Amino acid sequence: ALLAYAKDHIHERAAIPKYLEIVDELPKTAVGKIFKPDLRKMAITRIYNAALTEAGHSAQVVEVREDKKRGLVAVLDRNGEADEVAIGHVLGEFIRPWGWREEA
């Protein structure tokens, strides 16, 4: 209902949201501004996990880390057997890099 309302009331096509998520509170900086990197991390987690689930893989993003050289990197947990080549094909469609969680 909220997406339909937005579509009816936002006149610029590029500004119409494609996804809506209700959160308790937006992440903020120390001075109270919205902290967009945390929103990006949430989006990467949601989209990668949806793609993995749709492709039938049990691997899931457990966190998104900031890497000085690679930017935001999705960290995956295998959750059992993981076909690394197939997962690479699924996530290769996206521009953000990813890697496996290191086992301790």
PDB file of N, CA and C in Angstrom:
ATOM      1  N   ALA A   1       0.818  -1.188   0.000  1.00  0.00           N
ATOM      2  CA  ALA A   1       0.000   0.000   0.000  1.00  0.00           C
ATOM      3  C   ALA A   1       0.871   1.264   0.000  1.00  0.00           C
ATOM      4  N   LEU A   2       1.959   1.252   0.775  1.00  0.00           N
ATOM      5  CA  LEU A   2       2.841   2.424   0.807  1.00  0.00           C
ATOM      6  C   LEU A   2       3.565   2.619  -0.523  1.00  0.00           C
ATOM      7  N   LEU A   3       3.974   1.518  -1.162  1.00  0.00           N
ATOM      8  CA  LEU A   3       4.635   1.645  -2.463  1.00  0.00           C
ATOM      9  C   LEU A   3       3.667   2.194  -3.509  1.00  0.00           C
ATOM     10  N   ALA A   4       2.424   1.753  -3.472  1.00  0.00           N
ATOM     11  CA  ALA A   4       1.422   2.267  -4.406  1.00  0.00           C
ATOM     12  C   ALA A   4       1.170   3.751  -4.158  1.00  0.00           C
ATOM     13  N   TYR A   5       1.101   4.139  -2.894  1.00  0.00           N
ATOM     14  CA  TYR A   5       0.916   5.550  -2.552  1.00  0.00           C
ATOM     15  C   TYR A   5       2.086   6.381  -3.086  1.00  0.00           C
ATOM     16  N   ALA A   6       3.304   5.891  -2.879  1.00  0.00           N
ATOM     17  CA  ALA A   6       4.482   6.618  -3.363  1.00  0.00           C
ATOM     18  C   ALA A   6       4.447   6.743  -4.881  1.00  0.00           C
ATOM     19  N   LYS A   7       4.075   5.667  -5.549  1.00  0.00           N
ATOM     20  CA  LYS A   7       4.022   5.692  -7.017  1.00  0.00           C
ATOM     21  C   LYS A   7       3.007   6.721  -7.518  1.00  0.00           C
ATOM     22  N   ASP A   8       1.885   6.832  -6.815  1.00  0.00           N
ATOM     23  CA  ASP A   8       0.844   7.786  -7.213  1.00  0.00           C
ATOM     24  C   ASP A   8       1.216   9.232  -6.913  1.00  0.00           C
ATOM     25  N   HIS A   9       2.070   9.466  -5.915  1.00  0.00           N
ATOM     26  CA  HIS A   9       2.341  10.826  -5.466  1.00  0.00           C
ATOM     27  C   HIS A   9       3.733  11.354  -5.794  1.00  0.00           C
ATOM     28  N   ILE A  10       4.604  10.519  -6.301  1.00  0.00           N
ATOM     29  CA  ILE A  10       5.941  10.975  -6.706  1.00  0.00           C
ATOM     30  C   ILE A  10       5.943  11.051  -8.222  1.00  0.00           C
ATOM     31  N   HIS A  11       6.192  12.229  -8.737  1.00  0.00           N
ATOM     32  CA  HIS A  11       6.043  12.445 -10.166  1.00  0.00           C
ATOM     33  C   HIS A  11       7.297  12.119 -10.965  1.00  0.00           C
ATOM     34  N   GLU A  12       8.451  12.138 -10.325  1.00  0.00           N
ATOM     35  CA  GLU A  12       9.688  11.814 -11.038  1.00  0.00           C
ATOM     36  C   GLU A  12       9.901  10.302 -10.990  1.00  0.00           C
ATOM     37  N   ARG A  13       9.901   9.673 -12.151  1.00  0.00           N
ATOM     38  CA  ARG A  13       9.972   8.209 -12.228  1.00  0.00           C
ATOM     39  C   ARG A  13      11.189   7.640 -11.507  1.00  0.00           C
ATOM     40  N   ALA A  14      12.333   8.276 -11.651  1.00  0.00           N
ATOM     41  CA  ALA A  14      13.560   7.771 -11.032  1.00  0.00           C
ATOM     42  C   ALA A  14      13.512   7.839  -9.506  1.00  0.00           C
ATOM     43  N   ALA A  15      12.645   8.662  -8.956  1.00  0.00           N
ATOM     44  CA  ALA A  15      12.564   8.822  -7.504  1.00  0.00           C
ATOM     45  C   ALA A  15      11.572   7.858  -6.849  1.00  0.00           C
ATOM     46  N   ILE A  16      10.818   7.116  -7.646  1.00  0.00           N
ATOM     47  CA  ILE A  16       9.835   6.182  -7.090  1.00  0.00           C
ATOM     48  C   ILE A  16      10.572   4.995  -6.472  1.00  0.00           C
ATOM     49  N   PRO A  17      10.312   4.695  -5.191  1.00  0.00           N
ATOM     50  CA  PRO A  17      11.009   3.571  -4.547  1.00  0.00           C
ATOM     51  C   PRO A  17      10.578   2.230  -5.134  1.00  0.00           C
ATOM     52  N   LYS A  18      11.537   1.318  -5.216  1.00  0.00           N
ATOM     53  CA  LYS A  18      11.263  -0.031  -5.697  1.00  0.00           C
ATOM     54  C   LYS A  18      11.106  -1.002  -4.533  1.00  0.00           C
ATOM     55  N   TYR A  19      11.580  -0.584  -3.363  1.00  0.00           N
ATOM     56  CA  TYR A  19      11.531  -1.429  -2.172  1.00  0.00           C
ATOM     57  C   TYR A  19      11.343  -0.517  -0.970  1.00  0.00           C
ATOM     58  N   LEU A  20      10.617  -0.999  -0.002  1.00  0.00           N
ATOM     59  CA  LEU A  20      10.364  -0.219   1.203  1.00  0.00           C
ATOM     60  C   LEU A  20      10.598  -1.116   2.411  1.00  0.00           C
ATOM     61  N   GLU A  21      11.424  -0.657   3.319  1.00  0.00           N
ATOM     62  CA  GLU A  21      11.699  -1.410   4.540  1.00  0.00           C
ATOM     63  C   GLU A  21      11.459  -0.496   5.733  1.00  0.00           C
ATOM     64  N   ILE A  22      10.685  -0.977   6.674  1.00  0.00           N
ATOM     65  CA  ILE A  22      10.408  -0.224   7.891  1.00  0.00           C
ATOM     66  C   ILE A  22      11.470  -0.600   8.924  1.00  0.00           C
ATOM     67  N   VAL A  23      12.187   0.387   9.430  1.00  0.00           N
ATOM     68  CA  VAL A  23      13.196   0.152  10.464  1.00  0.00           C
ATOM     69  C   VAL A  23      12.823   0.984  11.690  1.00  0.00           C
ATOM     70  N   ASP A  24      13.238   0.506  12.855  1.00  0.00           N
ATOM     71  CA  ASP A  24      12.924   1.230  14.091  1.00  0.00           C
ATOM     72  C   ASP A  24      13.525   2.627  14.089  1.00  0.00           C
ATOM     73  N   GLU A  25      14.771   2.716  13.614  1.00  0.00           N
ATOM     74  CA  GLU A  25      15.464   4.002  13.586  1.00  0.00           C
ATOM     75  C   GLU A  25      16.513   3.965  12.488  1.00  0.00           C
ATOM     76  N   LEU A  26      16.632   5.049  11.747  1.00  0.00           N
ATOM     77  CA  LEU A  26      17.669   5.134  10.724  1.00  0.00           C
ATOM     78  C   LEU A  26      19.036   5.268  11.388  1.00  0.00           C
ATOM     79  N   PRO A  27      20.062   4.627  10.815  1.00  0.00           N
ATOM     80  CA  PRO A  27      21.408   4.801  11.379  1.00  0.00           C
ATOM     81  C   PRO A  27      21.848   6.249  11.213  1.00  0.00           C
ATOM     82  N   LYS A  28      22.473   6.795  12.257  1.00  0.00           N
ATOM     83  CA  LYS A  28      22.865   8.207  12.220  1.00  0.00           C
ATOM     84  C   LYS A  28      24.317   8.379  12.628  1.00  0.00           C
ATOM     85  N   THR A  29      24.887   9.491  12.169  1.00  0.00           N
ATOM     86  CA  THR A  29      26.238   9.872  12.566  1.00  0.00           C
ATOM     87  C   THR A  29      26.176  10.513  13.947  1.00  0.00           C
ATOM     88  N   ALA A  30      27.340  10.847  14.476  1.00  0.00           N
ATOM     89  CA  ALA A  30      27.403  11.483  15.796  1.00  0.00           C
ATOM     90  C   ALA A  30      26.679  12.828  15.825  1.00  0.00           C
ATOM     91  N   VAL A  31      26.589  13.495  14.677  1.00  0.00           N
ATOM     92  CA  VAL A  31      25.909  14.799  14.636  1.00  0.00           C
ATOM     93  C   VAL A  31      24.449  14.682  14.193  1.00  0.00           C
ATOM     94  N   GLY A  32      23.948  13.451  14.038  1.00  0.00           N
ATOM     95  CA  GLY A  32      22.538  13.254  13.750  1.00  0.00           C
ATOM     96  C   GLY A  32      22.151  13.137  12.290  1.00  0.00           C
ATOM     97  N   LYS A  33      23.116  13.124  11.386  1.00  0.00           N
ATOM     98  CA  LYS A  33      22.797  12.951   9.968  1.00  0.00           C
ATOM     99  C   LYS A  33      22.623  11.464   9.660  1.00  0.00           C
ATOM    100  N   ILE A  34      21.847  11.161   8.620  1.00  0.00           N
ATOM    101  CA  ILE A  34      21.646   9.765   8.228  1.00  0.00           C
ATOM    102  C   ILE A  34      22.973   9.194   7.734  1.00  0.00           C
ATOM    103  N   PHE A  35      23.336   8.012   8.259  1.00  0.00           N
ATOM    104  CA  PHE A  35      24.598   7.353   7.925  1.00  0.00           C
ATOM    105  C   PHE A  35      24.340   6.358   6.791  1.00  0.00           C
ATOM    106  N   LYS A  36      24.571   6.804   5.561  1.00  0.00           N
ATOM    107  CA  LYS A  36      24.232   6.021   4.379  1.00  0.00           C
ATOM    108  C   LYS A  36      25.014   4.714   4.232  1.00  0.00           C
ATOM    109  N   PRO A  37      26.284   4.625   4.669  1.00  0.00           N
ATOM    110  CA  PRO A  37      26.966   3.329   4.532  1.00  0.00           C
ATOM    111  C   PRO A  37      26.231   2.178   5.221  1.00  0.00           C
ATOM    112  N   ASP A  38      25.622   2.421   6.368  1.00  0.00           N
ATOM    113  CA  ASP A  38      24.862   1.355   7.029  1.00  0.00           C
ATOM    114  C   ASP A  38      23.619   0.977   6.226  1.00  0.00           C
ATOM    115  N   LEU A  39      22.998   1.949   5.576  1.00  0.00           N
ATOM    116  CA  LEU A  39      21.853   1.644   4.713  1.00  0.00           C
ATOM    117  C   LEU A  39      22.301   0.815   3.514  1.00  0.00           C
ATOM    118  N   ARG A  40      23.469   1.133   2.970  1.00  0.00           N
ATOM    119  CA  ARG A  40      24.011   0.348   1.855  1.00  0.00           C
ATOM    120  C   ARG A  40      24.298  -1.085   2.290  1.00  0.00           C
ATOM    121  N   LYS A  41      24.834  -1.249   3.498  1.00  0.00           N
ATOM    122  CA  LYS A  41      25.116  -2.592   4.026  1.00  0.00           C
ATOM    123  C   LYS A  41      23.824  -3.395   4.155  1.00  0.00           C
ATOM    124  N   MET A  42      22.773  -2.755   4.632  1.00  0.00           N
ATOM    125  CA  MET A  42      21.481  -3.436   4.754  1.00  0.00           C
ATOM    126  C   MET A  42      20.966  -3.867   3.382  1.00  0.00           C
ATOM    127  N   ALA A  43      21.112  -2.999   2.390  1.00  0.00           N
ATOM    128  CA  ALA A  43      20.634  -3.311   1.044  1.00  0.00           C
ATOM    129  C   ALA A  43      21.440  -4.447   0.416  1.00  0.00           C
ATOM    130  N   ILE A  44      22.756  -4.420   0.582  1.00  0.00           N
ATOM    131  CA  ILE A  44      23.600  -5.493   0.041  1.00  0.00           C
ATOM    132  C   ILE A  44      23.204  -6.827   0.663  1.00  0.00           C
ATOM    133  N   THR A  45      23.035  -6.856   1.972  1.00  0.00           N
ATOM    134  CA  THR A  45      22.637  -8.090   2.658  1.00  0.00           C
ATOM    135  C   THR A  45      21.307  -8.600   2.123  1.00  0.00           C
ATOM    136  N   ARG A  46      20.327  -7.720   2.018  1.00  0.00           N
ATOM    137  CA  ARG A  46      18.993  -8.116   1.556  1.00  0.00           C
ATOM    138  C   ARG A  46      19.023  -8.654   0.129  1.00  0.00           C
ATOM    139  N   ILE A  47      19.698  -7.950  -0.767  1.00  0.00           N
ATOM    140  CA  ILE A  47      19.688  -8.336  -2.177  1.00  0.00           C
ATOM    141  C   ILE A  47      20.507  -9.598  -2.423  1.00  0.00           C
ATOM    142  N   TYR A  48      21.677  -9.700  -1.809  1.00  0.00           N
ATOM    143  CA  TYR A  48      22.492 -10.906  -1.984  1.00  0.00           C
ATOM    144  C   TYR A  48      21.783 -12.126  -1.406  1.00  0.00           C
ATOM    145  N   ASN A  49      21.207 -12.005  -0.208  1.00  0.00           N
ATOM    146  CA  ASN A  49      20.510 -13.141   0.394  1.00  0.00           C
ATOM    147  C   ASN A  49      19.303 -13.563  -0.441  1.00  0.00           C
ATOM    148  N   ALA A  50      18.580 -12.609  -0.991  1.00  0.00           N
ATOM    149  CA  ALA A  50      17.436 -12.938  -1.844  1.00  0.00           C
ATOM    150  C   ALA A  50      17.896 -13.678  -3.095  1.00  0.00           C
ATOM    151  N   ALA A  51      18.991 -13.230  -3.704  1.00  0.00           N
ATOM    152  CA  ALA A  51      19.510 -13.890  -4.907  1.00  0.00           C
ATOM    153  C   ALA A  51      19.987 -15.302  -4.591  1.00  0.00           C
ATOM    154  N   LEU A  52      20.663 -15.475  -3.465  1.00  0.00           N
ATOM    155  CA  LEU A  52      21.143 -16.803  -3.071  1.00  0.00           C
ATOM    156  C   LEU A  52      19.976 -17.745  -2.775  1.00  0.00           C
ATOM    157  N   THR A  53      18.977 -17.258  -2.070  1.00  0.00           N
ATOM    158  CA  THR A  53      17.810 -18.080  -1.750  1.00  0.00           C
ATOM    159  C   THR A  53      17.055 -18.460  -3.014  1.00  0.00           C
ATOM    160  N   GLU A  54      16.867 -17.497  -3.913  1.00  0.00           N
ATOM    161  CA  GLU A  54      16.155 -17.756  -5.164  1.00  0.00           C
ATOM    162  C   GLU A  54      16.880 -18.805  -6.005  1.00  0.00           C
ATOM    163  N   ALA A  55      18.213 -18.811  -5.943  1.00  0.00           N
ATOM    164  CA  ALA A  55      19.002 -19.781  -6.706  1.00  0.00           C
ATOM    165  C   ALA A  55      19.120 -21.126  -5.981  1.00  0.00           C
ATOM    166  N   GLY A  56      18.558 -21.219  -4.771  1.00  0.00           N
ATOM    167  CA  GLY A  56      18.552 -22.480  -4.049  1.00  0.00           C
ATOM    168  C   GLY A  56      19.800 -22.769  -3.241  1.00  0.00           C
ATOM    169  N   HIS A  57      20.552 -21.739  -2.898  1.00  0.00           N
ATOM    170  CA  HIS A  57      21.770 -21.928  -2.104  1.00  0.00           C
ATOM    171  C   HIS A  57      21.485 -21.662  -0.630  1.00  0.00           C
ATOM    172  N   SER A  58      22.161 -22.419   0.235  1.00  0.00           N
ATOM    173  CA  SER A  58      21.977 -22.218   1.673  1.00  0.00           C
ATOM    174  C   SER A  58      22.918 -21.150   2.229  1.00  0.00           C
ATOM    175  N   ALA A  59      23.941 -20.781   1.473  1.00  0.00           N
ATOM    176  CA  ALA A  59      24.875 -19.742   1.927  1.00  0.00           C
ATOM    177  C   ALA A  59      24.126 -18.423   2.083  1.00  0.00           C
ATOM    178  N   GLN A  60      24.514 -17.649   3.094  1.00  0.00           N
ATOM    179  CA  GLN A  60      23.871 -16.366   3.363  1.00  0.00           C
ATOM    180  C   GLN A  60      24.911 -15.335   3.777  1.00  0.00           C
ATOM    181  N   VAL A  61      24.609 -14.068   3.519  1.00  0.00           N
ATOM    182  CA  VAL A  61      25.466 -12.974   3.970  1.00  0.00           C
ATOM    183  C   VAL A  61      25.284 -12.832   5.478  1.00  0.00           C
ATOM    184  N   VAL A  62      26.400 -12.875   6.215  1.00  0.00           N
ATOM    185  CA  VAL A  62      26.325 -12.715   7.671  1.00  0.00           C
ATOM    186  C   VAL A  62      26.707 -11.307   8.102  1.00  0.00           C
ATOM    187  N   GLU A  63      27.459 -10.616   7.258  1.00  0.00           N
ATOM    188  CA  GLU A  63      27.789  -9.212   7.528  1.00  0.00           C
ATOM    189  C   GLU A  63      28.349  -8.586   6.260  1.00  0.00           C
ATOM    190  N   VAL A  64      28.390  -7.269   6.254  1.00  0.00           N
ATOM    191  CA  VAL A  64      29.034  -6.522   5.172  1.00  0.00           C
ATOM    192  C   VAL A  64      30.092  -5.662   5.831  1.00  0.00           C
ATOM    193  N   ARG A  65      31.340  -5.856   5.398  1.00  0.00           N
ATOM    194  CA  ARG A  65      32.476  -5.156   6.009  1.00  0.00           C
ATOM    195  C   ARG A  65      33.013  -4.080   5.073  1.00  0.00           C
ATOM    196  N   GLU A  66      33.593  -3.069   5.679  1.00  0.00           N
ATOM    197  CA  GLU A  66      34.284  -2.015   4.926  1.00  0.00           C
ATOM    198  C   GLU A  66      35.735  -2.447   4.757  1.00  0.00           C
ATOM    199  N   ASP A  67      36.181  -2.548   3.506  1.00  0.00           N
ATOM    200  CA  ASP A  67      37.562  -2.886   3.188  1.00  0.00           C
ATOM    201  C   ASP A  67      38.189  -1.665   2.520  1.00  0.00           C
ATOM    202  N   LYS A  68      39.387  -1.288   2.956  1.00  0.00           N
ATOM    203  CA  LYS A  68      40.013  -0.064   2.433  1.00  0.00           C
ATOM    204  C   LYS A  68      40.265  -0.135   0.934  1.00  0.00           C
ATOM    205  N   LYS A  69      40.567  -1.306   0.406  1.00  0.00           N
ATOM    206  CA  LYS A  69      40.860  -1.436  -1.023  1.00  0.00           C
ATOM    207  C   LYS A  69      39.629  -1.793  -1.851  1.00  0.00           C
ATOM    208  N   ARG A  70      38.757  -2.631  -1.302  1.00  0.00           N
ATOM    209  CA  ARG A  70      37.638  -3.166  -2.086  1.00  0.00           C
ATOM    210  C   ARG A  70      36.296  -2.496  -1.800  1.00  0.00           C
ATOM    211  N   GLY A  71      36.249  -1.633  -0.806  1.00  0.00           N
ATOM    212  CA  GLY A  71      34.980  -1.000  -0.443  1.00  0.00           C
ATOM    213  C   GLY A  71      34.142  -1.918   0.427  1.00  0.00           C
ATOM    214  N   LEU A  72      32.836  -1.900   0.242  1.00  0.00           N
ATOM    215  CA  LEU A  72      31.947  -2.760   1.017  1.00  0.00           C
ATOM    216  C   LEU A  72      32.015  -4.181   0.470  1.00  0.00           C
ATOM    217  N   VAL A  73      32.296  -5.141   1.356  1.00  0.00           N
ATOM    218  CA  VAL A  73      32.454  -6.543   0.962  1.00  0.00           C
ATOM    219  C   VAL A  73      31.449  -7.388   1.744  1.00  0.00           C
ATOM    220  N   ALA A  74      30.633  -8.153   1.028  1.00  0.00           N
ATOM    221  CA  ALA A  74      29.684  -9.064   1.666  1.00  0.00           C
ATOM    222  C   ALA A  74      30.429 -10.304   2.138  1.00  0.00           C
ATOM    223  N   VAL A  75      30.220 -10.679   3.401  1.00  0.00           N
ATOM    224  CA  VAL A  75      30.862 -11.858   3.983  1.00  0.00           C
ATOM    225  C   VAL A  75      29.798 -12.947   4.107  1.00  0.00           C
ATOM    226  N   LEU A  76      30.056 -14.100   3.463  1.00  0.00           N
ATOM    227  CA  LEU A  76      29.091 -15.190   3.427  1.00  0.00           C
ATOM    228  C   LEU A  76      29.474 -16.321   4.366  1.00  0.00           C
ATOM    229  N   ASP A  77      28.446 -16.980   4.895  1.00  0.00           N
ATOM    230  CA  ASP A  77      28.609 -18.211   5.663  1.00  0.00           C
ATOM    231  C   ASP A  77      28.080 -19.338   4.782  1.00  0.00           C
ATOM    232  N   ARG A  78      28.811 -20.435   4.727  1.00  0.00           N
ATOM    233  CA  ARG A  78      28.437 -21.543   3.847  1.00  0.00           C
ATOM    234  C   ARG A  78      27.129 -22.224   4.264  1.00  0.00           C
ATOM    235  N   ASN A  79      26.857 -22.307   5.543  1.00  0.00           N
ATOM    236  CA  ASN A  79      25.643 -22.982   6.035  1.00  0.00           C
ATOM    237  C   ASN A  79      25.515 -24.392   5.466  1.00  0.00           C
ATOM    238  N   GLY A  80      26.571 -25.175   5.577  1.00  0.00           N
ATOM    239  CA  GLY A  80      26.568 -26.538   5.043  1.00  0.00           C
ATOM    240  C   GLY A  80      27.358 -26.602   3.751  1.00  0.00           C
ATOM    241  N   GLU A  81      26.933 -27.472   2.854  1.00  0.00           N
ATOM    242  CA  GLU A  81      27.607 -27.617   1.562  1.00  0.00           C
ATOM    243  C   GLU A  81      27.329 -26.392   0.694  1.00  0.00           C
ATOM    244  N   ALA A  82      28.373 -25.903   0.040  1.00  0.00           N
ATOM    245  CA  ALA A  82      28.212 -24.724  -0.815  1.00  0.00           C
ATOM    246  C   ALA A  82      28.918 -24.964  -2.141  1.00  0.00           C
ATOM    247  N   ASP A  83      28.201 -24.794  -3.231  1.00  0.00           N
ATOM    248  CA  ASP A  83      28.776 -24.886  -4.570  1.00  0.00           C
ATOM    249  C   ASP A  83      29.370 -23.519  -4.889  1.00  0.00           C
ATOM    250  N   GLU A  84      30.666 -23.387  -4.642  1.00  0.00           N
ATOM    251  CA  GLU A  84      31.317 -22.080  -4.761  1.00  0.00           C
ATOM    252  C   GLU A  84      31.244 -21.508  -6.172  1.00  0.00           C
ATOM    253  N   VAL A  85      31.334 -22.367  -7.180  1.00  0.00           N
ATOM    254  CA  VAL A  85      31.267 -21.881  -8.563  1.00  0.00           C
ATOM    255  C   VAL A  85      29.875 -21.327  -8.859  1.00  0.00           C
ATOM    256  N   ALA A  86      28.842 -22.072  -8.467  1.00  0.00           N
ATOM    257  CA  ALA A  86      27.467 -21.621  -8.715  1.00  0.00           C
ATOM    258  C   ALA A  86      27.163 -20.342  -7.943  1.00  0.00           C
ATOM    259  N   ILE A  87      27.635 -20.265  -6.708  1.00  0.00           N
ATOM    260  CA  ILE A  87      27.428 -19.055  -5.911  1.00  0.00           C
ATOM    261  C   ILE A  87      28.165 -17.882  -6.546  1.00  0.00           C
ATOM    262  N   GLY A  88      29.351 -18.146  -7.060  1.00  0.00           N
ATOM    263  CA  GLY A  88      30.103 -17.108  -7.767  1.00  0.00           C
ATOM    264  C   GLY A  88      29.355 -16.578  -8.976  1.00  0.00           C
ATOM    265  N   HIS A  89      28.646 -17.460  -9.681  1.00  0.00           N
ATOM    266  CA  HIS A  89      27.852 -17.026 -10.836  1.00  0.00           C
ATOM    267  C   HIS A  89      26.669 -16.163 -10.396  1.00  0.00           C
ATOM    268  N   VAL A  90      26.026 -16.556  -9.299  1.00  0.00           N
ATOM    269  CA  VAL A  90      24.878 -15.784  -8.801  1.00  0.00           C
ATOM    270  C   VAL A  90      25.329 -14.395  -8.360  1.00  0.00           C
ATOM    271  N   LEU A  91      26.369 -14.335  -7.535  1.00  0.00           N
ATOM    272  CA  LEU A  91      26.810 -13.046  -6.997  1.00  0.00           C
ATOM    273  C   LEU A  91      27.663 -12.259  -7.984  1.00  0.00           C
ATOM    274  N   GLY A  92      28.133 -12.909  -9.028  1.00  0.00           N
ATOM    275  CA  GLY A  92      28.898 -12.214 -10.061  1.00  0.00           C
ATOM    276  C   GLY A  92      28.064 -11.219 -10.846  1.00  0.00           C
ATOM    277  N   GLU A  93      26.748 -11.307 -10.705  1.00  0.00           N
ATOM    278  CA  GLU A  93      25.846 -10.366 -11.372  1.00  0.00           C
ATOM    279  C   GLU A  93      25.862  -8.988 -10.707  1.00  0.00           C
ATOM    280  N   PHE A  94      26.419  -8.917  -9.495  1.00  0.00           N
ATOM    281  CA  PHE A  94      26.422  -7.675  -8.731  1.00  0.00           C
ATOM    282  C   PHE A  94      27.816  -7.054  -8.732  1.00  0.00           C
ATOM    283  N   ILE A  95      27.889  -5.754  -8.493  1.00  0.00           N
ATOM    284  CA  ILE A  95      29.180  -5.060  -8.541  1.00  0.00           C
ATOM    285  C   ILE A  95      29.953  -5.130  -7.239  1.00  0.00           C
ATOM    286  N   ARG A  96      29.291  -5.367  -6.119  1.00  0.00           N
ATOM    287  CA  ARG A  96      29.981  -5.402  -4.826  1.00  0.00           C
ATOM    288  C   ARG A  96      30.700  -6.730  -4.656  1.00  0.00           C
ATOM    289  N   PRO A  97      31.937  -6.698  -4.163  1.00  0.00           N
ATOM    290  CA  PRO A  97      32.677  -7.945  -3.949  1.00  0.00           C
ATOM    291  C   PRO A  97      32.130  -8.734  -2.757  1.00  0.00           C
ATOM    292  N   TRP A  98      32.497 -10.002  -2.699  1.00  0.00           N
ATOM    293  CA  TRP A  98      32.061 -10.859  -1.605  1.00  0.00           C
ATOM    294  C   TRP A  98      33.169 -11.846  -1.288  1.00  0.00           C
ATOM    295  N   GLY A  99      33.062 -12.482  -0.124  1.00  0.00           N
ATOM    296  CA  GLY A  99      34.031 -13.489   0.285  1.00  0.00           C
ATOM    297  C   GLY A  99      33.420 -14.374   1.352  1.00  0.00           C
ATOM    298  N   TRP A 100      34.134 -15.435   1.706  1.00  0.00           N
ATOM    299  CA  TRP A 100      33.658 -16.378   2.716  1.00  0.00           C
ATOM    300  C   TRP A 100      34.105 -15.952   4.099  1.00  0.00           C
ATOM    301  N   ARG A 101      33.280 -16.237   5.081  1.00  0.00           N
ATOM    302  CA  ARG A 101      33.646 -15.994   6.470  1.00  0.00           C
ATOM    303  C   ARG A 101      34.751 -16.979   6.828  1.00  0.00           C
ATOM    304  N   GLU A 102      35.767 -16.477   7.480  1.00  0.00           N
ATOM    305  CA  GLU A 102      36.891 -17.326   7.865  1.00  0.00           C
ATOM    306  C   GLU A 102      36.496 -18.175   9.056  1.00  0.00           C
ATOM    307  N   GLU A 103      36.764 -19.465   8.938  1.00  0.00           N
ATOM    308  CA  GLU A 103      36.460 -20.400  10.027  1.00  0.00           C
ATOM    309  C   GLU A 103      37.542 -20.300  11.084  1.00  0.00           C
ATOM    310  N   ALA A 104      37.153 -20.289  12.339  1.00  0.00           N
ATOM    311  CA  ALA A 104      38.122 -20.180  13.434  1.00  0.00           C
ATOM    312  C   ALA A 104      38.619 -21.543  13.855  1.00  0.00           C
TER     313      ALA A 104
END
